[in-house]
PDB file of all heavy atoms in Angstrom:
ATOM      1  N   ASN A   1      -8.490   9.324  -0.915  1.00  0.00           N
ATOM      2  CA  ASN A   1      -8.132   9.258   0.507  1.00  0.00           C
ATOM      3  C   ASN A   1      -8.394   7.867   1.086  1.00  0.00           C
ATOM      4  O   ASN A   1      -7.623   7.372   1.918  1.00  0.00           O
ATOM      5  CB  ASN A   1      -8.923  10.304   1.283  1.00  0.00           C
ATOM      6  CG  ASN A   1      -8.471  11.722   0.960  1.00  0.00           C
ATOM      7  OD1 ASN A   1      -7.358  11.926   0.493  1.00  0.00           O
ATOM      8  ND2 ASN A   1      -9.333  12.701   1.204  1.00  0.00           N
ATOM      9  N   LEU A   2      -9.509   7.252   0.633  1.00  0.00           N
ATOM     10  CA  LEU A   2      -9.799   5.893   1.111  1.00  0.00           C
ATOM     11  C   LEU A   2      -8.703   4.923   0.680  1.00  0.00           C
ATOM     12  O   LEU A   2      -8.253   4.080   1.449  1.00  0.00           O
ATOM     13  CB  LEU A   2     -11.159   5.427   0.575  1.00  0.00           C
ATOM     14  CG  LEU A   2     -12.397   6.065   1.217  1.00  0.00           C
ATOM     15  CD1 LEU A   2     -13.653   5.599   0.504  1.00  0.00           C
ATOM     16  CD2 LEU A   2     -12.466   5.676   2.695  1.00  0.00           C
ATOM     17  N   TYR A   3      -8.252   5.022  -0.584  1.00  0.00           N
ATOM     18  CA  TYR A   3      -7.179   4.164  -1.067  1.00  0.00           C
ATOM     19  C   TYR A   3      -5.888   4.413  -0.301  1.00  0.00           C
ATOM     20  O   TYR A   3      -5.138   3.490   0.026  1.00  0.00           O
ATOM     21  CB  TYR A   3      -6.952   4.388  -2.567  1.00  0.00           C
ATOM     22  CG  TYR A   3      -7.820   3.511  -3.437  1.00  0.00           C
ATOM     23  CD1 TYR A   3      -9.065   3.961  -3.845  1.00  0.00           C
ATOM     24  CD2 TYR A   3      -7.405   2.237  -3.823  1.00  0.00           C
ATOM     25  CE1 TYR A   3      -9.889   3.174  -4.632  1.00  0.00           C
ATOM     26  CE2 TYR A   3      -8.219   1.431  -4.613  1.00  0.00           C
ATOM     27  CZ  TYR A   3      -9.461   1.906  -5.009  1.00  0.00           C
ATOM     28  OH  TYR A   3     -10.260   1.123  -5.781  1.00  0.00           O
ATOM     29  N   SER A   4      -5.636   5.705   0.011  1.00  0.00           N
ATOM     30  CA  SER A   4      -4.411   6.041   0.753  1.00  0.00           C
ATOM     31  C   SER A   4      -4.446   5.433   2.138  1.00  0.00           C
ATOM     32  O   SER A   4      -3.449   4.896   2.631  1.00  0.00           O
ATOM     33  CB  SER A   4      -4.265   7.564   0.851  1.00  0.00           C
ATOM     34  OG  SER A   4      -4.131   8.131  -0.437  1.00  0.00           O
ATOM     35  N   VAL A   5      -5.631   5.512   2.804  1.00  0.00           N
ATOM     36  CA  VAL A   5      -5.766   4.927   4.145  1.00  0.00           C
ATOM     37  C   VAL A   5      -5.548   3.424   4.104  1.00  0.00           C
ATOM     38  O   VAL A   5      -4.833   2.839   4.921  1.00  0.00           O
ATOM     39  CB  VAL A   5      -7.143   5.265   4.733  1.00  0.00           C
ATOM     40  CG1 VAL A   5      -7.399   4.474   6.012  1.00  0.00           C
ATOM     41  CG2 VAL A   5      -7.242   6.759   5.017  1.00  0.00           C
ATOM     42  N   ASN A   6      -6.171   2.770   3.106  1.00  0.00           N
ATOM     43  CA  ASN A   6      -6.015   1.309   2.990  1.00  0.00           C
ATOM     44  C   ASN A   6      -4.565   0.930   2.730  1.00  0.00           C
ATOM     45  O   ASN A   6      -4.038  -0.046   3.273  1.00  0.00           O
ATOM     46  CB  ASN A   6      -6.895   0.786   1.852  1.00  0.00           C
ATOM     47  CG  ASN A   6      -8.369   0.906   2.190  1.00  0.00           C
ATOM     48  OD1 ASN A   6      -8.734   0.936   3.358  1.00  0.00           O
ATOM     49  ND2 ASN A   6      -9.215   0.977   1.165  1.00  0.00           N
ATOM     50  N   ALA A   7      -3.906   1.719   1.893  1.00  0.00           N
ATOM     51  CA  ALA A   7      -2.501   1.432   1.582  1.00  0.00           C
ATOM     52  C   ALA A   7      -1.632   1.602   2.821  1.00  0.00           C
ATOM     53  O   ALA A   7      -0.733   0.803   3.082  1.00  0.00           O
ATOM     54  CB  ALA A   7      -2.026   2.361   0.455  1.00  0.00           C
ATOM     55  N   ASN A   8      -1.885   2.624   3.613  1.00  0.00           N
ATOM     56  CA  ASN A   8      -1.102   2.865   4.836  1.00  0.00           C
ATOM     57  C   ASN A   8      -1.294   1.743   5.837  1.00  0.00           C
ATOM     58  O   ASN A   8      -0.368   1.364   6.558  1.00  0.00           O
ATOM     59  CB  ASN A   8      -1.507   4.199   5.457  1.00  0.00           C
ATOM     60  CG  ASN A   8      -1.030   5.376   4.623  1.00  0.00           C
ATOM     61  OD1 ASN A   8      -0.073   5.249   3.860  1.00  0.00           O
ATOM     62  ND2 ASN A   8      -1.720   6.509   4.751  1.00  0.00           N
ATOM     63  N   HIS A   9      -2.549   1.210   5.910  1.00  0.00           N
ATOM     64  CA  HIS A   9      -2.795   0.107   6.843  1.00  0.00           C
ATOM     65  C   HIS A   9      -2.008  -1.133   6.449  1.00  0.00           C
ATOM     66  O   HIS A   9      -1.578  -1.912   7.306  1.00  0.00           O
ATOM     67  CB  HIS A   9      -4.293  -0.231   6.875  1.00  0.00           C
ATOM     68  CG  HIS A   9      -5.055   0.708   7.752  1.00  0.00           C
ATOM     69  ND1 HIS A   9      -4.719   0.958   9.054  1.00  0.00           N
ATOM     70  CD2 HIS A   9      -6.142   1.488   7.496  1.00  0.00           C
ATOM     71  CE1 HIS A   9      -5.559   1.836   9.593  1.00  0.00           C
ATOM     72  NE2 HIS A   9      -6.428   2.182   8.651  1.00  0.00           N
ATOM     73  N   ARG A  10      -1.820  -1.314   5.126  1.00  0.00           N
ATOM     74  CA  ARG A  10      -1.135  -2.532   4.677  1.00  0.00           C
ATOM     75  C   ARG A  10       0.384  -2.408   4.714  1.00  0.00           C
ATOM     76  O   ARG A  10       1.104  -3.373   4.541  1.00  0.00           O
ATOM     77  CB  ARG A  10      -1.580  -2.877   3.246  1.00  0.00           C
ATOM     78  CG  ARG A  10      -2.995  -3.431   3.174  1.00  0.00           C
ATOM     79  CD  ARG A  10      -3.213  -4.113   1.825  1.00  0.00           C
ATOM     80  NE  ARG A  10      -3.002  -3.178   0.732  1.00  0.00           N
ATOM     81  CZ  ARG A  10      -3.964  -2.381   0.256  1.00  0.00           C
ATOM     82  NH1 ARG A  10      -5.159  -2.391   0.801  1.00  0.00           N
ATOM     83  NH2 ARG A  10      -3.711  -1.554  -0.738  1.00  0.00           N
ATOM     84  N   LYS A  11       0.878  -1.197   4.916  1.00  0.00           N
ATOM     85  CA  LYS A  11       2.333  -1.009   4.948  1.00  0.00           C
ATOM     86  C   LYS A  11       2.934  -1.713   6.170  1.00  0.00           C
ATOM     87  O   LYS A  11       2.394  -1.617   7.266  1.00  0.00           O
ATOM     88  CB  LYS A  11       2.675   0.482   4.989  1.00  0.00           C
ATOM     89  CG  LYS A  11       2.434   1.172   3.658  1.00  0.00           C
ATOM     90  CD  LYS A  11       2.761   2.655   3.746  1.00  0.00           C
ATOM     91  CE  LYS A  11       2.490   3.348   2.436  1.00  0.00           C
ATOM     92  NZ  LYS A  11       2.754   4.796   2.504  1.00  0.00           N
ATOM     93  N   ASN A  12       4.059  -2.387   5.957  1.00  0.00           N
ATOM     94  CA  ASN A  12       4.720  -3.118   7.028  1.00  0.00           C
ATOM     95  C   ASN A  12       6.229  -3.048   6.789  1.00  0.00           C
ATOM     96  O   ASN A  12       6.696  -3.258   5.683  1.00  0.00           O
ATOM     97  CB  ASN A  12       4.252  -4.590   7.010  1.00  0.00           C
ATOM     98  CG  ASN A  12       4.704  -5.333   8.253  1.00  0.00           C
ATOM     99  OD1 ASN A  12       5.889  -5.327   8.578  1.00  0.00           O
ATOM    100  ND2 ASN A  12       3.760  -5.977   8.919  1.00  0.00           N
ATOM    101  N   VAL A  13       6.957  -2.722   7.838  1.00  0.00           N
ATOM    102  CA  VAL A  13       8.413  -2.573   7.668  1.00  0.00           C
ATOM    103  C   VAL A  13       9.083  -3.872   7.261  1.00  0.00           C
ATOM    104  O   VAL A  13      10.192  -3.867   6.734  1.00  0.00           O
ATOM    105  CB  VAL A  13       9.056  -2.052   8.976  1.00  0.00           C
ATOM    106  CG1 VAL A  13       8.574  -0.651   9.284  1.00  0.00           C
ATOM    107  CG2 VAL A  13       8.766  -2.990  10.146  1.00  0.00           C
ATOM    108  N   PHE A  14       8.412  -5.014   7.531  1.00  0.00           N
ATOM    109  CA  PHE A  14       9.003  -6.308   7.191  1.00  0.00           C
ATOM    110  C   PHE A  14       8.609  -6.756   5.789  1.00  0.00           C
ATOM    111  O   PHE A  14       9.013  -7.802   5.333  1.00  0.00           O
ATOM    112  CB  PHE A  14       8.567  -7.373   8.215  1.00  0.00           C
ATOM    113  CG  PHE A  14       8.987  -7.016   9.609  1.00  0.00           C
ATOM    114  CD1 PHE A  14       8.062  -6.574  10.542  1.00  0.00           C
ATOM    115  CD2 PHE A  14      10.334  -7.110   9.991  1.00  0.00           C
ATOM    116  CE1 PHE A  14       8.459  -6.247  11.812  1.00  0.00           C
ATOM    117  CE2 PHE A  14      10.719  -6.772  11.266  1.00  0.00           C
ATOM    118  CZ  PHE A  14       9.775  -6.336  12.189  1.00  0.00           C
ATOM    119  N   ARG A  15       7.694  -5.946   5.107  1.00  0.00           N
ATOM    120  CA  ARG A  15       7.235  -6.360   3.779  1.00  0.00           C
ATOM    121  C   ARG A  15       7.472  -5.231   2.800  1.00  0.00           C
ATOM    122  O   ARG A  15       7.056  -4.096   3.054  1.00  0.00           O
ATOM    123  CB  ARG A  15       5.735  -6.692   3.847  1.00  0.00           C
ATOM    124  CG  ARG A  15       5.178  -7.221   2.524  1.00  0.00           C
ATOM    125  CD  ARG A  15       3.801  -7.828   2.759  1.00  0.00           C
ATOM    126  NE  ARG A  15       2.839  -6.812   3.126  1.00  0.00           N
ATOM    127  CZ  ARG A  15       2.043  -6.187   2.263  1.00  0.00           C
ATOM    128  NH1 ARG A  15       2.145  -6.453   0.969  1.00  0.00           N
ATOM    129  NH2 ARG A  15       1.182  -5.293   2.668  1.00  0.00           N
ATOM    130  N   PRO A  16       8.156  -5.469   1.736  1.00  0.00           N
ATOM    131  CA  PRO A  16       8.390  -4.395   0.754  1.00  0.00           C
ATOM    132  C   PRO A  16       7.085  -3.981   0.084  1.00  0.00           C
ATOM    133  O   PRO A  16       6.161  -4.779  -0.038  1.00  0.00           O
ATOM    134  CB  PRO A  16       9.350  -5.030  -0.248  1.00  0.00           C
ATOM    135  CG  PRO A  16       9.077  -6.498  -0.153  1.00  0.00           C
ATOM    136  CD  PRO A  16       8.755  -6.761   1.295  1.00  0.00           C
ATOM    137  N   ILE A  17       7.033  -2.690  -0.347  1.00  0.00           N
ATOM    138  CA  ILE A  17       5.859  -2.171  -1.033  1.00  0.00           C
ATOM    139  C   ILE A  17       6.101  -2.221  -2.526  1.00  0.00           C
ATOM    140  O   ILE A  17       7.065  -1.634  -3.023  1.00  0.00           O
ATOM    141  CB  ILE A  17       5.578  -0.717  -0.601  1.00  0.00           C
ATOM    142  CG1 ILE A  17       5.344  -0.673   0.895  1.00  0.00           C
ATOM    143  CG2 ILE A  17       4.401  -0.125  -1.356  1.00  0.00           C
ATOM    144  CD1 ILE A  17       5.218   0.737   1.437  1.00  0.00           C
ATOM    145  N   HIS A  18       5.273  -2.925  -3.229  1.00  0.00           N
ATOM    146  CA  HIS A  18       5.421  -3.039  -4.674  1.00  0.00           C
ATOM    147  C   HIS A  18       4.747  -1.873  -5.363  1.00  0.00           C
ATOM    148  O   HIS A  18       3.569  -1.583  -5.133  1.00  0.00           O
ATOM    149  CB  HIS A  18       4.818  -4.362  -5.163  1.00  0.00           C
ATOM    150  CG  HIS A  18       5.490  -5.556  -4.561  1.00  0.00           C
ATOM    151  ND1 HIS A  18       6.763  -5.956  -4.908  1.00  0.00           N
ATOM    152  CD2 HIS A  18       5.062  -6.418  -3.595  1.00  0.00           C
ATOM    153  CE1 HIS A  18       7.094  -7.033  -4.215  1.00  0.00           C
ATOM    154  NE2 HIS A  18       6.077  -7.325  -3.399  1.00  0.00           N
ATOM    155  N   ALA A  19       5.481  -1.168  -6.229  1.00  0.00           N
ATOM    156  CA  ALA A  19       4.962   0.037  -6.883  1.00  0.00           C
ATOM    157  C   ALA A  19       3.877  -0.282  -7.880  1.00  0.00           C
ATOM    158  O   ALA A  19       3.101   0.575  -8.260  1.00  0.00           O
ATOM    159  CB  ALA A  19       6.095   0.781  -7.578  1.00  0.00           C
ATOM    160  N   ASP A  20       3.820  -1.570  -8.317  1.00  0.00           N
ATOM    161  CA  ASP A  20       2.871  -1.877  -9.379  1.00  0.00           C
ATOM    162  C   ASP A  20       1.656  -2.645  -8.869  1.00  0.00           C
ATOM    163  O   ASP A  20       0.958  -3.289  -9.637  1.00  0.00           O
ATOM    164  CB  ASP A  20       3.573  -2.677 -10.478  1.00  0.00           C
ATOM    165  CG  ASP A  20       4.188  -3.978  -9.953  1.00  0.00           C
ATOM    166  OD1 ASP A  20       4.281  -4.104  -8.701  1.00  0.00           O
ATOM    167  OD2 ASP A  20       4.550  -4.815 -10.777  1.00  0.00           O
ATOM    168  N   ASP A  21       1.406  -2.637  -7.531  1.00  0.00           N
ATOM    169  CA  ASP A  21       0.241  -3.362  -7.042  1.00  0.00           C
ATOM    170  C   ASP A  21      -1.043  -2.625  -7.429  1.00  0.00           C
ATOM    171  O   ASP A  21      -1.020  -1.467  -7.852  1.00  0.00           O
ATOM    172  CB  ASP A  21       0.322  -3.625  -5.544  1.00  0.00           C
ATOM    173  CG  ASP A  21       0.258  -2.361  -4.733  1.00  0.00           C
ATOM    174  OD1 ASP A  21      -0.141  -1.318  -5.278  1.00  0.00           O
ATOM    175  OD2 ASP A  21       0.617  -2.410  -3.537  1.00  0.00           O
ATOM    176  N   ALA A  22      -2.183  -3.299  -7.305  1.00  0.00           N
ATOM    177  CA  ALA A  22      -3.466  -2.764  -7.791  1.00  0.00           C
ATOM    178  C   ALA A  22      -3.851  -1.468  -7.090  1.00  0.00           C
ATOM    179  O   ALA A  22      -4.371  -0.537  -7.707  1.00  0.00           O
ATOM    180  CB  ALA A  22      -4.557  -3.816  -7.592  1.00  0.00           C
ATOM    181  N   THR A  23      -3.570  -1.397  -5.778  1.00  0.00           N
ATOM    182  CA  THR A  23      -3.942  -0.201  -5.024  1.00  0.00           C
ATOM    183  C   THR A  23      -3.167   1.016  -5.506  1.00  0.00           C
ATOM    184  O   THR A  23      -3.735   2.098  -5.729  1.00  0.00           O
ATOM    185  CB  THR A  23      -3.670  -0.421  -3.524  1.00  0.00           C
ATOM    186  OG1 THR A  23      -4.461  -1.522  -3.072  1.00  0.00           O
ATOM    187  CG2 THR A  23      -4.050   0.828  -2.724  1.00  0.00           C
ATOM    188  N   THR A  24      -1.848   0.834  -5.683  1.00  0.00           N
ATOM    189  CA  THR A  24      -1.026   1.950  -6.155  1.00  0.00           C
ATOM    190  C   THR A  24      -1.456   2.385  -7.552  1.00  0.00           C
ATOM    191  O   THR A  24      -1.525   3.576  -7.863  1.00  0.00           O
ATOM    192  CB  THR A  24       0.453   1.555  -6.158  1.00  0.00           C
ATOM    193  OG1 THR A  24       0.831   1.147  -4.840  1.00  0.00           O
ATOM    194  CG2 THR A  24       1.317   2.727  -6.596  1.00  0.00           C
ATOM    195  N   GLN A  25      -1.751   1.404  -8.405  1.00  0.00           N
ATOM    196  CA  GLN A  25      -2.179   1.727  -9.763  1.00  0.00           C
ATOM    197  C   GLN A  25      -3.488   2.516  -9.754  1.00  0.00           C
ATOM    198  O   GLN A  25      -3.635   3.517 -10.468  1.00  0.00           O
ATOM    199  CB  GLN A  25      -2.346   0.440 -10.572  1.00  0.00           C
ATOM    200  CG  GLN A  25      -2.728   0.693 -12.035  1.00  0.00           C
ATOM    201  CD  GLN A  25      -2.850  -0.585 -12.824  1.00  0.00           C
ATOM    202  OE1 GLN A  25      -2.543  -1.670 -12.330  1.00  0.00           O
ATOM    203  NE2 GLN A  25      -3.299  -0.475 -14.060  1.00  0.00           N
TER     204      GLN A  25
END
């Protein structure tokens, strides 16, 4: 849940989300 919260905070409509970043992994 902590990782999910951090990932949601970093999400930005102007920046694509990379599926292979460290948080997602």
